[in-house]
Amino acid sequence: MRDGSVFFSTFSLRGEAAVRDAQPRSHPSAAQRRLIPGSRRSLAAPYLRRQINFDTMATTADIKNGMCINHNGGLWLIIEFLHVKPGKGAAFVRTKLRNLATGRVVDHTFNSGVKIDPVRIETREYQYLYKEENGYVFMNTDNYEQVTVEEHLINAPEFLKDGVVCLLQFHADEERVLSCELPAHVLVEVTYSEPGIKGDTATNTLKPATVDTGVEVRVPLFVDTGDWIKVDTRTKEYVERVKK
């Protein structure tokens, strides 16, 4: 014979479920669907997507590209990651990290499930103004607030020119600049180069050329003084000659 209290509890739960299922369910509007990225499944239940709570320690399950973490006494940016589940042995996460203070990139492997310490960062647009004794002065393009950035925090300071808009990353809790990144490509003028060979369009033979920021770049033989060229700020290399 069934226990009465157990039977009543089971019946109550079923009853509540029936009432809940009978309630009309709201669906996201067309505007809401446009604002929620992802698949149709994520539109129906966006609250199921994992979010990081910065008040508690996160784990390797929260790792994603662009995340900044405290690791081995420094701040590191996760630029690549891969969750690995081998046939034998424990799972792990293989990552590539960039030190925000030095720019050094290292490979590091985390055991799956271990705790990590994420740091809240904000990225803002700042325009380069001028160089002073303590560093490089930038201005916020929204509120005109100025900040001085030390040279070692800038990925390619030798290509900074007046008016260039860069992306500055800030430690959100400390309002401290963590890094400054120039646009991927910049245009510079060649201020000096040995005379080129007319009609020589070969790009596999390079020569030194000084540009208007004072740095030397290796360029093809056909590039002359007065030409404008595009340079990749990540590799510090010539990309192409441009008309200006």
Protein backbone atom coordinates (compact mmCIF):
# COMPACT_ATOMS: atom_id res chain seq x y z
CA MET A 1 0.00 0.00 0.00
CA ARG A 2 1.35 3.48 -1.02
CA ASP A 3 2.30 5.93 1.67
CA GLY A 4 -0.25 8.78 1.60
CA SER A 5 2.29 11.58 1.97
CA VAL A 6 4.40 10.24 -0.89
CA PHE A 7 1.35 9.89 -3.12
CA PHE A 8 0.20 13.44 -2.30
CA SER A 9 3.65 14.89 -3.00
CA THR A 10 3.91 13.10 -6.34
CA PHE A 11 0.45 14.22 -7.32
CA SER A 12 1.22 17.83 -6.35
CA LEU A 13 4.40 17.92 -8.43
CA ARG A 14 2.58 16.48 -11.43
CA GLY A 15 -0.21 18.96 -10.95
CA GLU A 16 2.17 21.90 -10.80
CA ALA A 17 3.95 20.69 -13.93
CA ALA A 18 0.63 20.41 -15.74
CA VAL A 19 -0.34 23.95 -14.75
CA ARG A 20 3.08 25.26 -15.77
CA ASP A 21 2.90 23.49 -19.14
CA ALA A 22 -0.53 24.95 -19.70
CA GLN A 23 0.76 28.53 -19.35
CA PRO A 24 1.12 30.38 -22.67
CA ARG A 25 4.79 30.64 -23.59
CA SER A 26 6.19 33.85 -25.00
CA HIS A 27 8.46 33.72 -28.02
CA PRO A 28 11.19 36.21 -28.87
CA SER A 29 10.12 38.98 -31.22
CA ALA A 30 11.76 39.54 -34.59
CA ALA A 31 13.80 42.38 -33.08
CA GLN A 32 14.97 40.16 -30.22
CA ARG A 33 15.95 37.43 -32.68
CA ARG A 34 18.13 39.87 -34.57
CA LEU A 35 19.92 40.87 -31.37
CA ILE A 36 20.67 37.33 -30.22
CA PRO A 37 23.52 35.71 -32.17
CA GLY A 38 23.76 31.98 -32.70
CA SER A 39 21.53 29.18 -33.85
CA ARG A 40 17.76 28.83 -33.57
CA ARG A 41 18.28 26.69 -30.50
CA SER A 42 20.12 29.50 -28.73
CA LEU A 43 17.27 31.91 -29.57
CA ALA A 44 14.78 29.79 -27.68
CA ALA A 45 16.88 29.62 -24.51
CA PRO A 46 19.63 32.26 -24.47
CA TYR A 47 19.86 31.98 -20.68
CA LEU A 48 21.43 28.53 -21.07
CA ARG A 49 24.62 29.97 -22.56
CA ARG A 50 27.50 29.91 -20.10
CA GLN A 51 28.46 33.29 -18.66
CA ILE A 52 31.51 34.12 -16.55
CA ASN A 53 30.95 35.35 -13.03
CA PHE A 54 33.94 37.52 -12.21
CA ASP A 55 33.10 37.38 -8.50
CA THR A 56 34.05 33.69 -8.42
CA MET A 57 36.86 31.65 -9.89
CA ALA A 58 36.19 30.35 -13.38
CA THR A 59 37.40 27.03 -14.80
CA THR A 60 38.89 25.85 -18.07
CA ALA A 61 35.32 25.36 -19.35
CA ASP A 62 35.07 29.18 -19.49
CA ILE A 63 38.18 29.67 -21.62
CA LYS A 64 37.67 31.60 -24.85
CA ASN A 65 39.78 33.65 -27.24
CA GLY A 66 40.36 37.21 -26.05
CA MET A 67 39.98 36.35 -22.36
CA CYS A 68 42.52 37.93 -20.01
CA ILE A 69 43.66 35.90 -16.99
CA ASN A 70 45.98 36.21 -14.02
CA HIS A 71 48.57 33.48 -14.50
CA ASN A 72 52.00 32.90 -12.97
CA GLY A 73 52.11 36.39 -11.51
CA GLY A 74 51.22 38.24 -14.73
CA LEU A 75 48.36 39.17 -17.03
CA TRP A 76 47.99 36.97 -20.10
CA LEU A 77 45.65 37.15 -23.09
CA ILE A 78 44.32 33.87 -24.50
CA ILE A 79 44.82 33.99 -28.28
CA GLU A 80 44.25 30.30 -29.07
CA PHE A 81 42.82 27.30 -27.24
CA LEU A 82 41.87 23.70 -27.91
CA HIS A 83 40.00 21.25 -25.64
CA VAL A 84 41.56 17.79 -25.98
CA LYS A 85 39.99 14.51 -24.82
CA PRO A 86 42.49 11.71 -25.41
CA GLY A 87 41.42 8.09 -25.59
CA LYS A 88 43.40 7.38 -22.44
CA GLY A 89 44.22 9.73 -19.63
CA ALA A 90 42.66 12.96 -18.39
CA ALA A 91 41.33 15.70 -20.66
CA PHE A 92 43.26 18.95 -20.98
CA VAL A 93 43.15 22.36 -22.65
CA ARG A 94 46.02 23.46 -24.89
CA THR A 95 46.39 27.26 -25.08
CA LYS A 96 48.57 29.98 -26.59
CA LEU A 97 48.98 32.97 -24.28
CA ARG A 98 50.37 36.47 -24.85
CA ASN A 99 51.86 38.40 -21.94
CA LEU A 100 50.30 41.87 -21.86
CA ALA A 101 53.37 43.43 -20.26
CA THR A 102 56.07 42.04 -22.54
CA GLY A 103 54.19 40.78 -25.62
CA ARG A 104 55.85 37.36 -25.25
CA VAL A 105 53.76 34.46 -26.60
CA VAL A 106 53.96 31.05 -24.90
CA ASP A 107 52.21 27.69 -25.13
CA HIS A 108 50.59 26.42 -21.94
CA THR A 109 48.48 23.36 -21.14
CA PHE A 110 45.81 23.37 -18.42
CA ASN A 111 44.33 20.23 -16.94
CA SER A 112 40.63 20.14 -17.74
CA GLY A 113 38.46 21.54 -14.96
CA VAL A 114 41.17 23.45 -13.07
CA LYS A 115 40.34 26.96 -11.87
CA ILE A 116 41.53 30.05 -13.71
CA ASP A 117 41.45 33.69 -12.63
CA PRO A 118 39.84 35.89 -15.33
CA VAL A 119 40.40 39.65 -15.41
CA ARG A 120 37.77 42.07 -16.66
CA ILE A 121 39.18 44.20 -19.50
CA GLU A 122 37.71 46.95 -21.67
CA THR A 123 38.81 47.99 -25.16
CA ARG A 124 38.48 51.65 -26.17
CA GLU A 125 39.47 53.73 -29.19
CA TYR A 126 42.15 56.37 -28.59
CA GLN A 127 43.81 58.72 -31.06
CA TYR A 128 47.57 59.24 -30.96
CA LEU A 129 48.63 62.85 -30.29
CA TYR A 130 52.34 63.13 -29.53
CA LYS A 131 55.33 61.62 -27.74
CA GLU A 132 56.64 62.94 -24.44
CA GLU A 133 59.38 61.94 -22.02
CA ASN A 134 57.24 59.41 -20.12
CA GLY A 135 55.60 57.78 -23.10
CA TYR A 136 53.04 58.35 -25.84
CA VAL A 137 49.97 60.53 -25.33
CA PHE A 138 46.60 59.34 -26.63
CA MET A 139 43.15 60.95 -26.54
CA ASN A 140 39.81 59.21 -26.05
CA THR A 141 37.76 59.84 -29.19
CA ASP A 142 34.52 60.00 -27.17
CA ASN A 143 35.28 62.22 -24.16
CA TYR A 144 38.68 63.71 -25.15
CA GLU A 145 40.32 62.37 -21.99
CA GLN A 146 44.09 61.96 -22.43
CA VAL A 147 46.30 59.12 -21.20
CA THR A 148 50.03 58.44 -21.42
CA VAL A 149 51.05 54.93 -22.51
CA GLU A 150 54.51 53.48 -21.92
CA GLU A 151 56.37 52.34 -25.02
CA HIS A 152 56.61 48.65 -24.07
CA LEU A 153 52.79 48.41 -24.00
CA ILE A 154 52.48 49.41 -27.67
CA ASN A 155 52.77 46.66 -30.29
CA ALA A 156 54.44 48.81 -32.98
CA PRO A 157 55.40 52.25 -31.62
CA GLU A 158 57.79 52.89 -34.52
CA PHE A 159 54.81 53.28 -36.87
CA LEU A 160 52.80 55.75 -34.77
CA LYS A 161 51.77 58.89 -36.65
CA ASP A 162 49.68 61.90 -35.62
CA GLY A 163 45.98 61.05 -35.73
CA VAL A 164 46.31 57.27 -35.89
CA VAL A 165 43.43 55.63 -33.99
CA CYS A 166 44.52 52.69 -31.83
CA LEU A 167 42.78 50.21 -29.56
CA LEU A 168 43.73 50.49 -25.89
CA GLN A 169 42.91 47.71 -23.44
CA PHE A 170 42.20 48.73 -19.84
CA HIS A 171 42.05 46.74 -16.61
CA ALA A 172 38.39 47.54 -15.89
CA ASP A 173 38.71 47.42 -12.11
CA GLU A 174 41.95 49.42 -11.89
CA GLU A 175 41.52 51.73 -14.93
CA ARG A 176 45.08 50.82 -15.94
CA VAL A 177 46.29 50.56 -19.55
CA LEU A 178 47.29 46.98 -20.35
CA SER A 179 48.14 47.24 -24.05
CA CYS A 180 47.89 49.44 -27.13
CA GLU A 181 47.38 47.98 -30.59
CA LEU A 182 47.84 49.86 -33.84
CA PRO A 183 45.71 49.13 -36.92
CA ALA A 184 46.86 46.01 -38.75
CA HIS A 185 48.12 48.17 -41.65
CA VAL A 186 49.37 51.74 -41.85
CA LEU A 187 50.36 53.97 -44.77
CA VAL A 188 53.80 55.60 -44.61
CA GLU A 189 55.85 57.70 -47.02
CA VAL A 190 59.32 56.67 -48.11
CA THR A 191 61.63 59.57 -47.22
CA TYR A 192 64.85 57.96 -48.46
CA SER A 193 65.78 54.98 -50.56
CA GLU A 194 68.44 54.16 -53.12
CA PRO A 195 67.19 54.84 -56.66
CA GLY A 196 65.04 52.05 -58.03
CA ILE A 197 65.39 50.30 -61.35
CA LYS A 198 62.80 51.50 -63.83
CA GLY A 199 60.54 48.72 -65.01
CA ASP A 200 61.78 46.28 -62.35
CA THR A 201 58.64 44.95 -60.65
CA ALA A 202 60.27 42.01 -58.87
CA THR A 203 59.29 41.72 -55.23
CA ASN A 204 61.67 38.96 -54.15
CA THR A 205 64.69 41.30 -54.01
CA LEU A 206 64.51 43.88 -51.23
CA LYS A 207 66.42 47.00 -50.25
CA PRO A 208 66.32 49.23 -47.14
CA ALA A 209 64.10 52.32 -47.13
CA THR A 210 63.50 54.96 -44.46
CA VAL A 211 59.87 56.03 -43.93
CA ASP A 212 58.37 59.21 -42.46
CA THR A 213 58.19 57.79 -38.94
CA GLY A 214 61.97 57.31 -38.95
CA VAL A 215 62.02 53.51 -39.09
CA GLU A 216 63.69 51.43 -41.78
CA VAL A 217 61.62 48.97 -43.84
CA ARG A 218 62.75 46.47 -46.45
CA VAL A 219 61.05 47.26 -49.77
CA PRO A 220 61.22 45.99 -53.38
CA LEU A 221 63.73 47.56 -55.77
CA PHE A 222 61.09 49.55 -57.69
CA VAL A 223 60.06 51.61 -54.63
CA ASP A 224 61.51 55.15 -54.70
CA THR A 225 61.75 58.14 -52.40
CA GLY A 226 58.36 59.86 -52.23
CA ASP A 227 56.37 56.65 -52.73
CA TRP A 228 53.68 55.66 -50.25
CA ILE A 229 53.64 52.09 -49.02
CA LYS A 230 51.42 49.92 -46.84
CA VAL A 231 53.16 48.23 -43.90
CA ASP A 232 51.88 45.40 -41.70
CA THR A 233 52.32 46.59 -38.09
CA ARG A 234 52.21 43.00 -36.79
CA THR A 235 55.16 41.77 -38.86
CA LYS A 236 56.80 45.18 -39.54
CA GLU A 237 56.96 44.18 -43.22
CA TYR A 238 56.17 45.84 -46.54
CA VAL A 239 52.80 44.90 -48.07
CA GLU A 240 52.39 46.96 -51.23
CA ARG A 241 52.95 50.32 -52.88
CA VAL A 242 49.89 52.57 -52.92
CA LYS A 243 48.84 55.69 -54.79
CA LYS A 244 48.12 58.73 -52.64
